[in-house]
PDB file of N, CA and C in Angstrom:
ATOM      1  N   UNK A   1     198.606  38.728  86.043  1.00  0.00           N
ATOM      2  CA  UNK A   1     197.727  38.843  87.189  1.00  0.00           C
ATOM      3  C   UNK A   1     197.808  40.247  87.789  1.00  0.00           C
ATOM      4  N   UNK A   2     198.994  40.837  87.823  1.00  0.00           N
ATOM      5  CA  UNK A   2     199.147  42.164  88.429  1.00  0.00           C
ATOM      6  C   UNK A   2     198.314  43.213  87.690  1.00  0.00           C
ATOM      7  N   UNK A   3     198.382  43.303  86.356  1.00  0.00           N
ATOM      8  CA  UNK A   3     197.537  44.291  85.685  1.00  0.00           C
ATOM      9  C   UNK A   3     196.048  44.070  85.959  1.00  0.00           C
ATOM     10  N   UNK A   4     195.633  42.827  85.987  1.00  0.00           N
ATOM     11  CA  UNK A   4     194.224  42.536  86.268  1.00  0.00           C
ATOM     12  C   UNK A   4     193.844  42.986  87.674  1.00  0.00           C
ATOM     13  N   UNK A   5     194.722  42.763  88.643  1.00  0.00           N
ATOM     14  CA  UNK A   5     194.430  43.196  90.015  1.00  0.00           C
ATOM     15  C   UNK A   5     194.345  44.711  90.128  1.00  0.00           C
ATOM     16  N   UNK A   6     195.086  45.403  89.313  1.00  0.00           N
ATOM     17  CA  UNK A   6     195.037  46.871  89.344  1.00  0.00           C
ATOM     18  C   UNK A   6     193.792  47.414  88.659  1.00  0.00           C
ATOM     19  N   UNK A   7     193.293  46.693  87.669  1.00  0.00           N
ATOM     20  CA  UNK A   7     192.211  47.215  86.840  1.00  0.00           C
ATOM     21  C   UNK A   7     190.837  46.635  87.149  1.00  0.00           C
ATOM     22  N   UNK A   8     190.771  45.371  87.492  1.00  0.00           N
ATOM     23  CA  UNK A   8     189.481  44.702  87.665  1.00  0.00           C
ATOM     24  C   UNK A   8     188.974  44.843  89.089  1.00  0.00           C
ATOM     25  N   UNK A   9     187.683  44.731  89.225  1.00  0.00           N
ATOM     26  CA  UNK A   9     187.088  44.771  90.554  1.00  0.00           C
ATOM     27  C   UNK A   9     187.386  43.479  91.314  1.00  0.00           C
ATOM     28  N   UNK A  10     187.429  42.369  90.572  1.00  0.00           N
ATOM     29  CA  UNK A  10     187.672  41.064  91.187  1.00  0.00           C
ATOM     30  C   UNK A  10     188.436  40.192  90.200  1.00  0.00           C
ATOM     31  N   UNK A  11     189.412  39.434  90.701  1.00  0.00           N
ATOM     32  CA  UNK A  11     190.210  38.543  89.864  1.00  0.00           C
ATOM     33  C   UNK A  11     190.080  37.128  90.418  1.00  0.00           C
ATOM     34  N   UNK A  12     189.740  36.204  89.531  1.00  0.00           N
ATOM     35  CA  UNK A  12     189.630  34.803  89.892  1.00  0.00           C
ATOM     36  C   UNK A  12     190.770  34.050  89.230  1.00  0.00           C
ATOM     37  N   UNK A  13     191.583  33.380  90.045  1.00  0.00           N
ATOM     38  CA  UNK A  13     192.663  32.546  89.537  1.00  0.00           C
ATOM     39  C   UNK A  13     192.259  31.094  89.775  1.00  0.00           C
ATOM     40  N   UNK A  14     192.208  30.323  88.699  1.00  0.00           N
ATOM     41  CA  UNK A  14     191.854  28.913  88.789  1.00  0.00           C
ATOM     42  C   UNK A  14     193.107  28.076  88.575  1.00  0.00           C
ATOM     43  N   UNK A  15     193.454  27.306  89.588  1.00  0.00           N
ATOM     44  CA  UNK A  15     194.670  26.493  89.552  1.00  0.00           C
ATOM     45  C   UNK A  15     194.353  25.085  89.046  1.00  0.00           C
ATOM     46  N   UNK A  16     193.892  24.996  87.814  1.00  0.00           N
ATOM     47  CA  UNK A  16     193.574  23.710  87.193  1.00  0.00           C
ATOM     48  C   UNK A  16     194.240  23.652  85.827  1.00  0.00           C
ATOM     49  N   UNK A  17     194.316  22.462  85.280  1.00  0.00           N
ATOM     50  CA  UNK A  17     194.791  22.294  83.919  1.00  0.00           C
ATOM     51  C   UNK A  17     196.281  22.039  83.787  1.00  0.00           C
ATOM     52  N   UNK A  18     196.957  21.775  84.892  1.00  0.00           N
ATOM     53  CA  UNK A  18     198.379  21.431  84.842  1.00  0.00           C
ATOM     54  C   UNK A  18     198.596  20.146  85.636  1.00  0.00           C
ATOM     55  N   UNK A  19     199.779  19.602  85.525  1.00  0.00           N
ATOM     56  CA  UNK A  19     200.106  18.407  86.313  1.00  0.00           C
ATOM     57  C   UNK A  19     200.452  18.769  87.754  1.00  0.00           C
ATOM     58  N   UNK A  20     200.693  20.028  88.017  1.00  0.00           N
ATOM     59  CA  UNK A  20     201.024  20.451  89.367  1.00  0.00           C
ATOM     60  C   UNK A  20     201.702  21.796  89.371  1.00  0.00           C
ATOM     61  N   UNK A  21     201.989  22.271  90.558  1.00  0.00           N
ATOM     62  CA  UNK A  21     202.644  23.552  90.756  1.00  0.00           C
ATOM     63  C   UNK A  21     203.773  23.366  91.759  1.00  0.00           C
ATOM     64  N   UNK A  22     204.921  23.909  91.450  1.00  0.00           N
ATOM     65  CA  UNK A  22     206.012  23.904  92.406  1.00  0.00           C
ATOM     66  C   UNK A  22     205.756  24.938  93.486  1.00  0.00           C
ATOM     67  N   UNK A  23     206.205  24.641  94.688  1.00  0.00           N
ATOM     68  CA  UNK A  23     206.000  25.584  95.784  1.00  0.00           C
ATOM     69  C   UNK A  23     206.697  26.916  95.505  1.00  0.00           C
ATOM     70  N   UNK A  24     207.830  26.879  94.818  1.00  0.00           N
ATOM     71  CA  UNK A  24     208.518  28.139  94.510  1.00  0.00           C
ATOM     72  C   UNK A  24     207.690  28.994  93.564  1.00  0.00           C
ATOM     73  N   UNK A  25     206.992  28.377  92.618  1.00  0.00           N
ATOM     74  CA  UNK A  25     206.108  29.131  91.718  1.00  0.00           C
ATOM     75  C   UNK A  25     204.966  29.762  92.506  1.00  0.00           C
ATOM     76  N   UNK A  26     204.305  28.965  93.335  1.00  0.00           N
ATOM     77  CA  UNK A  26     203.170  29.489  94.093  1.00  0.00           C
ATOM     78  C   UNK A  26     203.600  30.605  95.041  1.00  0.00           C
ATOM     79  N   UNK A  27     204.747  30.437  95.682  1.00  0.00           N
ATOM     80  CA  UNK A  27     205.219  31.475  96.609  1.00  0.00           C
ATOM     81  C   UNK A  27     205.504  32.770  95.863  1.00  0.00           C
ATOM     82  N   UNK A  28     206.185  32.669  94.747  1.00  0.00           N
ATOM     83  CA  UNK A  28     206.521  33.884  93.989  1.00  0.00           C
ATOM     84  C   UNK A  28     205.274  34.522  93.389  1.00  0.00           C
ATOM     85  N   UNK A  29     204.383  33.703  92.843  1.00  0.00           N
ATOM     86  CA  UNK A  29     203.182  34.232  92.197  1.00  0.00           C
ATOM     87  C   UNK A  29     202.239  34.899  93.199  1.00  0.00           C
ATOM     88  N   UNK A  30     202.067  34.298  94.362  1.00  0.00           N
ATOM     89  CA  UNK A  30     201.075  34.816  95.302  1.00  0.00           C
ATOM     90  C   UNK A  30     201.695  35.599  96.453  1.00  0.00           C
ATOM     91  N   UNK A  31     202.737  35.095  97.065  1.00  0.00           N
ATOM     92  CA  UNK A  31     203.446  35.883  98.079  1.00  0.00           C
ATOM     93  C   UNK A  31     204.073  37.117  97.450  1.00  0.00           C
ATOM     94  N   UNK A  32     204.503  36.971  96.197  1.00  0.00           N
ATOM     95  CA  UNK A  32     205.113  38.089  95.479  1.00  0.00           C
ATOM     96  C   UNK A  32     204.171  39.261  95.262  1.00  0.00           C
ATOM     97  N   UNK A  33     202.880  39.007  95.277  1.00  0.00           N
ATOM     98  CA  UNK A  33     201.921  40.115  95.139  1.00  0.00           C
ATOM     99  C   UNK A  33     202.055  41.085  96.306  1.00  0.00           C
ATOM    100  N   UNK A  34     202.256  40.543  97.487  1.00  0.00           N
ATOM    101  CA  UNK A  34     202.414  41.391  98.679  1.00  0.00           C
ATOM    102  C   UNK A  34     203.739  42.150  98.598  1.00  0.00           C
ATOM    103  N   UNK A  35     204.797  41.456  98.244  1.00  0.00           N
ATOM    104  CA  UNK A  35     206.096  42.126  98.099  1.00  0.00           C
ATOM    105  C   UNK A  35     206.071  43.162  96.988  1.00  0.00           C
ATOM    106  N   UNK A  36     205.169  42.974  96.027  1.00  0.00           N
ATOM    107  CA  UNK A  36     205.025  43.922  94.926  1.00  0.00           C
ATOM    108  C   UNK A  36     204.156  45.116  95.259  1.00  0.00           C
ATOM    109  N   UNK A  37     203.643  45.174  96.484  1.00  0.00           N
ATOM    110  CA  UNK A  37     202.928  46.368  96.909  1.00  0.00           C
ATOM    111  C   UNK A  37     201.448  46.210  97.208  1.00  0.00           C
ATOM    112  N   UNK A  38     200.883  45.043  96.973  1.00  0.00           N
ATOM    113  CA  UNK A  38     199.470  44.841  97.288  1.00  0.00           C
ATOM    114  C   UNK A  38     199.319  44.495  98.765  1.00  0.00           C
ATOM    115  N   UNK A  39     198.372  45.120  99.423  1.00  0.00           N
ATOM    116  CA  UNK A  39     198.132  44.820 100.841  1.00  0.00           C
ATOM    117  C   UNK A  39     197.284  43.559 100.965  1.00  0.00           C
ATOM    118  N   UNK A  40     197.340  42.962 102.128  1.00  0.00           N
ATOM    119  CA  UNK A  40     196.511  41.798 102.387  1.00  0.00           C
ATOM    120  C   UNK A  40     195.037  42.116 102.266  1.00  0.00           C
ATOM    121  N   UNK A  41     194.637  43.272 102.751  1.00  0.00           N
ATOM    122  CA  UNK A  41     193.237  43.684 102.676  1.00  0.00           C
ATOM    123  C   UNK A  41     192.787  43.844 101.223  1.00  0.00           C
ATOM    124  N   UNK A  42     193.634  44.470 100.416  1.00  0.00           N
ATOM    125  CA  UNK A  42     193.331  44.657  98.999  1.00  0.00           C
ATOM    126  C   UNK A  42     193.158  43.297  98.314  1.00  0.00           C
ATOM    127  N   UNK A  43     194.075  42.371  98.594  1.00  0.00           N
ATOM    128  CA  UNK A  43     193.993  41.047  97.990  1.00  0.00           C
ATOM    129  C   UNK A  43     192.776  40.283  98.494  1.00  0.00           C
ATOM    130  N   UNK A  44     192.445  40.414  99.767  1.00  0.00           N
ATOM    131  CA  UNK A  44     191.239  39.767 100.297  1.00  0.00           C
ATOM    132  C   UNK A  44     189.990  40.241  99.562  1.00  0.00           C
ATOM    133  N   UNK A  45     189.965  41.535  99.219  1.00  0.00           N
ATOM    134  CA  UNK A  45     188.807  42.113  98.541  1.00  0.00           C
ATOM    135  C   UNK A  45     188.737  41.751  97.065  1.00  0.00           C
ATOM    136  N   UNK A  46     189.882  41.537  96.431  1.00  0.00           N
ATOM    137  CA  UNK A  46     189.897  41.420  94.970  1.00  0.00           C
ATOM    138  C   UNK A  46     190.345  40.080  94.400  1.00  0.00           C
ATOM    139  N   UNK A  47     191.035  39.267  95.154  1.00  0.00           N
ATOM    140  CA  UNK A  47     191.613  38.041  94.617  1.00  0.00           C
ATOM    141  C   UNK A  47     190.919  36.805  95.176  1.00  0.00           C
ATOM    142  N   UNK A  48     190.484  35.938  94.284  1.00  0.00           N
ATOM    143  CA  UNK A  48     189.948  34.632  94.666  1.00  0.00           C
ATOM    144  C   UNK A  48     190.786  33.568  93.969  1.00  0.00           C
ATOM    145  N   UNK A  49     191.184  32.562  94.732  1.00  0.00           N
ATOM    146  CA  UNK A  49     191.965  31.461  94.195  1.00  0.00           C
ATOM    147  C   UNK A  49     191.128  30.204  94.353  1.00  0.00           C
ATOM    148  N   UNK A  50     190.968  29.465  93.252  1.00  0.00           N
ATOM    149  CA  UNK A  50     190.189  28.230  93.314  1.00  0.00           C
ATOM    150  C   UNK A  50     190.883  27.148  92.514  1.00  0.00           C
ATOM    151  N   UNK A  51     190.458  25.928  92.710  1.00  0.00           N
ATOM    152  CA  UNK A  51     190.998  24.808  91.957  1.00  0.00           C
ATOM    153  C   UNK A  51     190.468  23.497  92.495  1.00  0.00           C
ATOM    154  N   UNK A  52     190.587  22.465  91.674  1.00  0.00           N
ATOM    155  CA  UNK A  52     190.122  21.136  92.070  1.00  0.00           C
ATOM    156  C   UNK A  52     190.969  20.559  93.194  1.00  0.00           C
ATOM    157  N   UNK A  53     192.251  20.903  93.204  1.00  0.00           N
ATOM    158  CA  UNK A  53     193.160  20.415  94.246  1.00  0.00           C
ATOM    159  C   UNK A  53     193.239  21.471  95.348  1.00  0.00           C
ATOM    160  N   UNK A  54     192.522  21.240  96.424  1.00  0.00           N
ATOM    161  CA  UNK A  54     192.475  22.238  97.497  1.00  0.00           C
ATOM    162  C   UNK A  54     193.847  22.463  98.135  1.00  0.00           C
ATOM    163  N   UNK A  55     194.743  21.490  98.013  1.00  0.00           N
ATOM    164  CA  UNK A  55     196.090  21.663  98.560  1.00  0.00           C
ATOM    165  C   UNK A  55     196.814  22.836  97.916  1.00  0.00           C
ATOM    166  N   UNK A  56     196.717  22.969  96.600  1.00  0.00           N
ATOM    167  CA  UNK A  56     197.355  24.097  95.913  1.00  0.00           C
ATOM    168  C   UNK A  56     196.683  25.420  96.274  1.00  0.00           C
ATOM    169  N   UNK A  57     195.379  25.398  96.381  1.00  0.00           N
ATOM    170  CA  UNK A  57     194.640  26.607  96.750  1.00  0.00           C
ATOM    171  C   UNK A  57     195.051  27.048  98.156  1.00  0.00           C
ATOM    172  N   UNK A  58     195.083  26.111  99.078  1.00  0.00           N
ATOM    173  CA  UNK A  58     195.476  26.432 100.454  1.00  0.00           C
ATOM    174  C   UNK A  58     196.914  26.932 100.514  1.00  0.00           C
ATOM    175  N   UNK A  59     197.787  26.292  99.743  1.00  0.00           N
ATOM    176  CA  UNK A  59     199.189  26.696  99.736  1.00  0.00           C
ATOM    177  C   UNK A  59     199.345  28.119  99.195  1.00  0.00           C
ATOM    178  N   UNK A  60     198.654  28.435  98.106  1.00  0.00           N
ATOM    179  CA  UNK A  60     198.730  29.781  97.536  1.00  0.00           C
ATOM    180  C   UNK A  60     198.220  30.816  98.531  1.00  0.00           C
ATOM    181  N   UNK A  61     197.094  30.528  99.166  1.00  0.00           N
ATOM    182  CA  UNK A  61     196.557  31.455 100.164  1.00  0.00           C
ATOM    183  C   UNK A  61     197.496  31.612 101.352  1.00  0.00           C
ATOM    184  N   UNK A  62     198.135  30.537 101.747  1.00  0.00           N
ATOM    185  CA  UNK A  62     199.084  30.598 102.865  1.00  0.00           C
ATOM    186  C   UNK A  62     200.279  31.472 102.521  1.00  0.00           C
ATOM    187  N   UNK A  63     200.757  31.400 101.284  1.00  0.00           N
ATOM    188  CA  UNK A  63     201.877  32.248 100.875  1.00  0.00           C
ATOM    189  C   UNK A  63     201.492  33.727 100.947  1.00  0.00           C
ATOM    190  N   UNK A  64     200.255  34.045 100.608  1.00  0.00           N
ATOM    191  CA  UNK A  64     199.798  35.439 100.748  1.00  0.00           C
ATOM    192  C   UNK A  64     199.806  35.818 102.224  1.00  0.00           C
ATOM    193  N   UNK A  65     199.231  34.979 103.075  1.00  0.00           N
ATOM    194  CA  UNK A  65     199.191  35.286 104.514  1.00  0.00           C
ATOM    195  C   UNK A  65     200.588  35.419 105.108  1.00  0.00           C
ATOM    196  N   UNK A  66     201.483  34.534 104.716  1.00  0.00           N
ATOM    197  CA  UNK A  66     202.857  34.590 105.220  1.00  0.00           C
ATOM    198  C   UNK A  66     203.543  35.887 104.805  1.00  0.00           C
ATOM    199  N   UNK A  67     203.352  36.278 103.553  1.00  0.00           N
ATOM    200  CA  UNK A  67     203.978  37.509 103.057  1.00  0.00           C
ATOM    201  C   UNK A  67     203.399  38.728 103.767  1.00  0.00           C
ATOM    202  N   UNK A  68     202.105  38.716 104.033  1.00  0.00           N
ATOM    203  CA  UNK A  68     201.479  39.818 104.769  1.00  0.00           C
ATOM    204  C   UNK A  68     202.054  39.891 106.173  1.00  0.00           C
ATOM    205  N   UNK A  69     202.201  38.754 106.827  1.00  0.00           N
ATOM    206  CA  UNK A  69     202.754  38.731 108.184  1.00  0.00           C
ATOM    207  C   UNK A  69     204.200  39.227 108.189  1.00  0.00           C
ATOM    208  N   UNK A  70     204.975  38.820 107.211  1.00  0.00           N
ATOM    209  CA  UNK A  70     206.371  39.285 107.134  1.00  0.00           C
ATOM    210  C   UNK A  70     206.421  40.780 106.874  1.00  0.00           C
ATOM    211  N   UNK A  71     205.552  41.286 106.010  1.00  0.00           N
ATOM    212  CA  UNK A  71     205.582  42.716 105.709  1.00  0.00           C
ATOM    213  C   UNK A  71     205.139  43.529 106.917  1.00  0.00           C
ATOM    214  N   UNK A  72     204.228  42.997 107.713  1.00  0.00           N
ATOM    215  CA  UNK A  72     203.801  43.682 108.937  1.00  0.00           C
ATOM    216  C   UNK A  72     204.947  43.734 109.934  1.00  0.00           C
ATOM    217  N   UNK A  73     205.721  42.664 109.999  1.00  0.00           N
ATOM    218  CA  UNK A  73     206.880  42.623 110.880  1.00  0.00           C
ATOM    219  C   UNK A  73     207.983  43.561 110.432  1.00  0.00           C
ATOM    220  N   UNK A  74     208.096  43.780 109.124  1.00  0.00           N
ATOM    221  CA  UNK A  74     209.121  44.678 108.599  1.00  0.00           C
ATOM    222  C   UNK A  74     208.839  46.124 108.894  1.00  0.00           C
ATOM    223  N   UNK A  75     207.565  46.483 109.062  1.00  0.00           N
ATOM    224  CA  UNK A  75     207.210  47.889 109.218  1.00  0.00           C
ATOM    225  C   UNK A  75     207.258  48.360 110.666  1.00  0.00           C
ATOM    226  N   UNK A  76     207.532  47.486 111.609  1.00  0.00           N
ATOM    227  CA  UNK A  76     207.563  47.904 113.014  1.00  0.00           C
ATOM    228  C   UNK A  76     208.951  48.231 113.471  1.00  0.00           C
TER     229      UNK A  76
END
């Protein structure tokens, strides 16, 4: 996902086709993008998360928002 976010204009992640996702996976995969150097604004412009189970989509988006909020708190 990271190389695609650096190279593509827009990245669509579809959270379908599995029996589920652990919260630790979603936090690392999506919150980790912010810790890896992507800003919230950059991710808002380039990353779309979709799936049949809106709970996973909401959780992934929340991890991004949480990581952005934590990084904003770290810089003050």
